[in-house]
Amino acid sequence: MLHWLWMAIVGLIIGAVAKLIMPGKDPGGIIITMLLGIVGSFLGGWISGLIGWSSQGGFGWFVMAVIGSIILLALYRVFKRSTA
């Protein structure tokens, strides 16, 4: 049970950092930010595995999670803009 809570909190932090780094108006609220951070951390871990830079934690993991979240945020903005 606490694992899910921890994942939600860390996802919210990573999603918020990604939204702070990307300029412009960000769509979505707190739930979208949390999901963006959670899925972005999985995407960042997958990308780091592809390039051979697998890290199990620490600053490298955080950086890759934020990079994954930024990629997802850019895709989310493109799809949100095209449907509006």
N, C-alpha and C. Protein backbone atom coordinates (compact mmCIF):
# COMPACT_ATOMS: atom_id res chain seq x y z
N MET A 1 0.82 -1.20 0.00
CA MET A 1 0.00 0.00 0.00
C MET A 1 0.86 1.26 0.00
N LEU A 2 1.89 1.29 0.81
CA LEU A 2 2.74 2.47 0.87
C LEU A 2 3.56 2.65 -0.40
N HIS A 3 3.81 1.54 -1.11
CA HIS A 3 4.54 1.63 -2.36
C HIS A 3 3.77 2.49 -3.37
N TRP A 4 2.48 2.32 -3.45
CA TRP A 4 1.66 3.09 -4.38
C TRP A 4 1.63 4.57 -3.99
N LEU A 5 1.57 4.83 -2.69
CA LEU A 5 1.58 6.21 -2.22
C LEU A 5 2.92 6.87 -2.54
N TRP A 6 4.01 6.14 -2.30
CA TRP A 6 5.35 6.66 -2.61
C TRP A 6 5.49 6.92 -4.11
N MET A 7 4.99 6.01 -4.95
CA MET A 7 5.06 6.18 -6.39
C MET A 7 4.26 7.41 -6.82
N ALA A 8 3.12 7.65 -6.21
CA ALA A 8 2.30 8.81 -6.55
C ALA A 8 2.99 10.11 -6.16
N ILE A 9 3.62 10.14 -4.99
CA ILE A 9 4.30 11.35 -4.52
C ILE A 9 5.51 11.65 -5.40
N VAL A 10 6.32 10.63 -5.68
CA VAL A 10 7.50 10.83 -6.53
C VAL A 10 7.07 11.20 -7.95
N GLY A 11 6.02 10.59 -8.45
CA GLY A 11 5.51 10.94 -9.77
C GLY A 11 5.04 12.38 -9.84
N LEU A 12 4.41 12.85 -8.77
CA LEU A 12 3.96 14.24 -8.72
C LEU A 12 5.15 15.19 -8.74
N ILE A 13 6.20 14.86 -8.00
CA ILE A 13 7.39 15.71 -7.97
C ILE A 13 8.07 15.73 -9.34
N ILE A 14 8.24 14.56 -9.95
CA ILE A 14 8.90 14.49 -11.26
C ILE A 14 8.06 15.21 -12.31
N GLY A 15 6.76 15.03 -12.30
CA GLY A 15 5.89 15.72 -13.24
C GLY A 15 5.92 17.23 -13.06
N ALA A 16 5.97 17.68 -11.81
CA ALA A 16 6.04 19.12 -11.55
C ALA A 16 7.36 19.71 -12.03
N VAL A 17 8.46 18.98 -11.84
CA VAL A 17 9.76 19.46 -12.32
C VAL A 17 9.75 19.53 -13.85
N ALA A 18 9.18 18.54 -14.50
CA ALA A 18 9.09 18.56 -15.96
C ALA A 18 8.26 19.74 -16.45
N LYS A 19 7.17 20.05 -15.76
CA LYS A 19 6.34 21.18 -16.15
C LYS A 19 7.05 22.50 -15.89
N LEU A 20 7.89 22.56 -14.87
CA LEU A 20 8.65 23.78 -14.61
C LEU A 20 9.73 24.01 -15.66
N ILE A 21 10.33 22.93 -16.15
CA ILE A 21 11.41 23.05 -17.13
C ILE A 21 10.86 23.45 -18.50
N MET A 22 9.73 22.86 -18.90
CA MET A 22 9.15 23.15 -20.22
C MET A 22 8.45 24.50 -20.17
N PRO A 23 8.78 25.41 -21.09
CA PRO A 23 8.10 26.70 -21.09
C PRO A 23 6.70 26.59 -21.70
N GLY A 24 5.85 27.52 -21.36
CA GLY A 24 4.51 27.57 -21.95
C GLY A 24 3.43 27.13 -20.99
N LYS A 25 2.21 27.25 -21.46
CA LYS A 25 1.05 26.87 -20.65
C LYS A 25 0.90 25.36 -20.67
N ASP A 26 0.74 24.80 -19.48
CA ASP A 26 0.64 23.35 -19.35
C ASP A 26 -0.79 22.91 -19.14
N PRO A 27 -1.26 21.99 -19.97
CA PRO A 27 -2.61 21.46 -19.78
C PRO A 27 -2.64 20.44 -18.65
N GLY A 28 -3.78 20.27 -18.05
CA GLY A 28 -3.95 19.25 -17.03
C GLY A 28 -3.72 19.77 -15.63
N GLY A 29 -4.25 19.03 -14.69
CA GLY A 29 -4.12 19.40 -13.29
C GLY A 29 -3.17 18.48 -12.55
N ILE A 30 -3.46 18.26 -11.28
CA ILE A 30 -2.57 17.50 -10.42
C ILE A 30 -2.54 16.02 -10.80
N ILE A 31 -3.65 15.47 -11.22
CA ILE A 31 -3.69 14.05 -11.60
C ILE A 31 -2.88 13.82 -12.88
N ILE A 32 -3.03 14.73 -13.87
CA ILE A 32 -2.25 14.61 -15.10
C ILE A 32 -0.77 14.76 -14.80
N THR A 33 -0.42 15.68 -13.91
CA THR A 33 0.99 15.88 -13.53
C THR A 33 1.55 14.63 -12.88
N MET A 34 0.77 14.00 -12.01
CA MET A 34 1.21 12.79 -11.32
C MET A 34 1.40 11.64 -12.31
N LEU A 35 0.42 11.45 -13.19
CA LEU A 35 0.53 10.39 -14.19
C LEU A 35 1.68 10.65 -15.15
N LEU A 36 1.90 11.90 -15.49
CA LEU A 36 3.01 12.28 -16.35
C LEU A 36 4.34 11.90 -15.71
N GLY A 37 4.48 12.14 -14.43
CA GLY A 37 5.71 11.79 -13.73
C GLY A 37 5.92 10.30 -13.59
N ILE A 38 4.85 9.57 -13.31
CA ILE A 38 4.96 8.11 -13.14
C ILE A 38 5.31 7.45 -14.47
N VAL A 39 4.57 7.77 -15.51
CA VAL A 39 4.84 7.15 -16.82
C VAL A 39 6.17 7.66 -17.37
N GLY A 40 6.50 8.91 -17.11
CA GLY A 40 7.78 9.46 -17.55
C GLY A 40 8.97 8.78 -16.89
N SER A 41 8.81 8.36 -15.65
CA SER A 41 9.91 7.64 -14.99
C SER A 41 10.11 6.26 -15.60
N PHE A 42 9.02 5.62 -16.00
CA PHE A 42 9.16 4.34 -16.70
C PHE A 42 9.81 4.54 -18.08
N LEU A 43 9.39 5.59 -18.78
CA LEU A 43 9.97 5.88 -20.09
C LEU A 43 11.45 6.23 -19.96
N GLY A 44 11.80 7.02 -18.96
CA GLY A 44 13.20 7.37 -18.74
C GLY A 44 14.05 6.16 -18.39
N GLY A 45 13.50 5.25 -17.60
CA GLY A 45 14.21 4.01 -17.29
C GLY A 45 14.41 3.14 -18.51
N TRP A 46 13.41 3.11 -19.38
CA TRP A 46 13.52 2.33 -20.61
C TRP A 46 14.58 2.94 -21.54
N ILE A 47 14.59 4.26 -21.65
CA ILE A 47 15.58 4.94 -22.50
C ILE A 47 16.98 4.73 -21.94
N SER A 48 17.15 4.82 -20.63
CA SER A 48 18.48 4.61 -20.05
C SER A 48 18.96 3.18 -20.25
N GLY A 49 18.04 2.22 -20.27
CA GLY A 49 18.42 0.85 -20.56
C GLY A 49 18.84 0.67 -22.02
N LEU A 50 18.19 1.41 -22.92
CA LEU A 50 18.54 1.32 -24.34
C LEU A 50 19.94 1.87 -24.62
N ILE A 51 20.29 2.95 -23.93
CA ILE A 51 21.60 3.55 -24.18
C ILE A 51 22.68 2.94 -23.30
N GLY A 52 22.31 1.99 -22.47
CA GLY A 52 23.30 1.30 -21.63
C GLY A 52 23.67 2.04 -20.37
N TRP A 53 22.82 2.94 -19.93
CA TRP A 53 23.09 3.72 -18.73
C TRP A 53 22.04 3.41 -17.68
N SER A 54 22.00 2.16 -17.27
CA SER A 54 21.00 1.72 -16.30
C SER A 54 21.46 2.07 -14.90
N SER A 55 20.65 2.83 -14.22
CA SER A 55 20.94 3.16 -12.83
C SER A 55 19.71 2.83 -12.00
N GLN A 56 19.92 2.28 -10.84
CA GLN A 56 18.81 1.84 -10.00
C GLN A 56 18.28 2.92 -9.08
N GLY A 57 18.91 4.04 -9.05
CA GLY A 57 18.43 5.11 -8.19
C GLY A 57 19.40 6.27 -8.21
N GLY A 58 19.13 7.25 -7.39
CA GLY A 58 20.01 8.39 -7.30
C GLY A 58 19.70 9.46 -8.31
N PHE A 59 20.67 10.33 -8.51
CA PHE A 59 20.47 11.49 -9.36
C PHE A 59 20.30 11.11 -10.82
N GLY A 60 21.01 10.11 -11.29
CA GLY A 60 20.88 9.68 -12.69
C GLY A 60 19.48 9.20 -13.01
N TRP A 61 18.88 8.47 -12.08
CA TRP A 61 17.51 8.00 -12.27
C TRP A 61 16.55 9.18 -12.32
N PHE A 62 16.75 10.15 -11.45
CA PHE A 62 15.88 11.32 -11.40
C PHE A 62 15.96 12.11 -12.70
N VAL A 63 17.18 12.29 -13.21
CA VAL A 63 17.36 13.02 -14.46
C VAL A 63 16.66 12.30 -15.61
N MET A 64 16.84 11.00 -15.70
CA MET A 64 16.20 10.24 -16.78
C MET A 64 14.67 10.24 -16.63
N ALA A 65 14.17 10.22 -15.41
CA ALA A 65 12.73 10.29 -15.19
C ALA A 65 12.18 11.64 -15.63
N VAL A 66 12.90 12.70 -15.35
CA VAL A 66 12.45 14.03 -15.78
C VAL A 66 12.52 14.14 -17.30
N ILE A 67 13.57 13.60 -17.92
CA ILE A 67 13.67 13.62 -19.38
C ILE A 67 12.50 12.85 -20.00
N GLY A 68 12.18 11.70 -19.46
CA GLY A 68 11.03 10.93 -19.94
C GLY A 68 9.73 11.70 -19.78
N SER A 69 9.59 12.41 -18.67
CA SER A 69 8.38 13.20 -18.43
C SER A 69 8.30 14.38 -19.38
N ILE A 70 9.44 14.98 -19.70
CA ILE A 70 9.45 16.10 -20.65
C ILE A 70 9.02 15.62 -22.04
N ILE A 71 9.50 14.44 -22.43
CA ILE A 71 9.10 13.87 -23.72
C ILE A 71 7.59 13.63 -23.74
N LEU A 72 7.07 13.05 -22.67
CA LEU A 72 5.62 12.81 -22.61
C LEU A 72 4.82 14.10 -22.58
N LEU A 73 5.32 15.11 -21.88
CA LEU A 73 4.62 16.39 -21.82
C LEU A 73 4.58 17.04 -23.20
N ALA A 74 5.66 16.93 -23.95
CA ALA A 74 5.67 17.48 -25.31
C ALA A 74 4.66 16.75 -26.19
N LEU A 75 4.61 15.43 -26.09
CA LEU A 75 3.62 14.66 -26.85
C LEU A 75 2.20 14.99 -26.41
N TYR A 76 1.99 15.16 -25.11
CA TYR A 76 0.67 15.49 -24.58
C TYR A 76 0.21 16.85 -25.11
N ARG A 77 1.13 17.83 -25.18
CA ARG A 77 0.78 19.15 -25.69
C ARG A 77 0.40 19.07 -27.17
N VAL A 78 1.13 18.28 -27.94
CA VAL A 78 0.84 18.14 -29.37
C VAL A 78 -0.56 17.55 -29.56
N PHE A 79 -0.87 16.47 -28.84
CA PHE A 79 -2.17 15.83 -29.01
C PHE A 79 -3.29 16.69 -28.43
N LYS A 80 -3.04 17.37 -27.35
CA LYS A 80 -4.06 18.22 -26.75
C LYS A 80 -4.36 19.41 -27.66
N ARG A 81 -3.34 19.96 -28.30
CA ARG A 81 -3.52 21.10 -29.19
C ARG A 81 -4.25 20.68 -30.47
N SER A 82 -3.97 19.48 -30.96
CA SER A 82 -4.59 19.06 -32.23
C SER A 82 -6.06 18.70 -32.05
N THR A 83 -6.47 18.30 -30.86
CA THR A 83 -7.88 17.95 -30.64
C THR A 83 -8.72 19.15 -30.24
N ALA A 84 -8.08 20.22 -29.77
CA ALA A 84 -8.84 21.40 -29.33
C ALA A 84 -9.23 22.30 -30.47
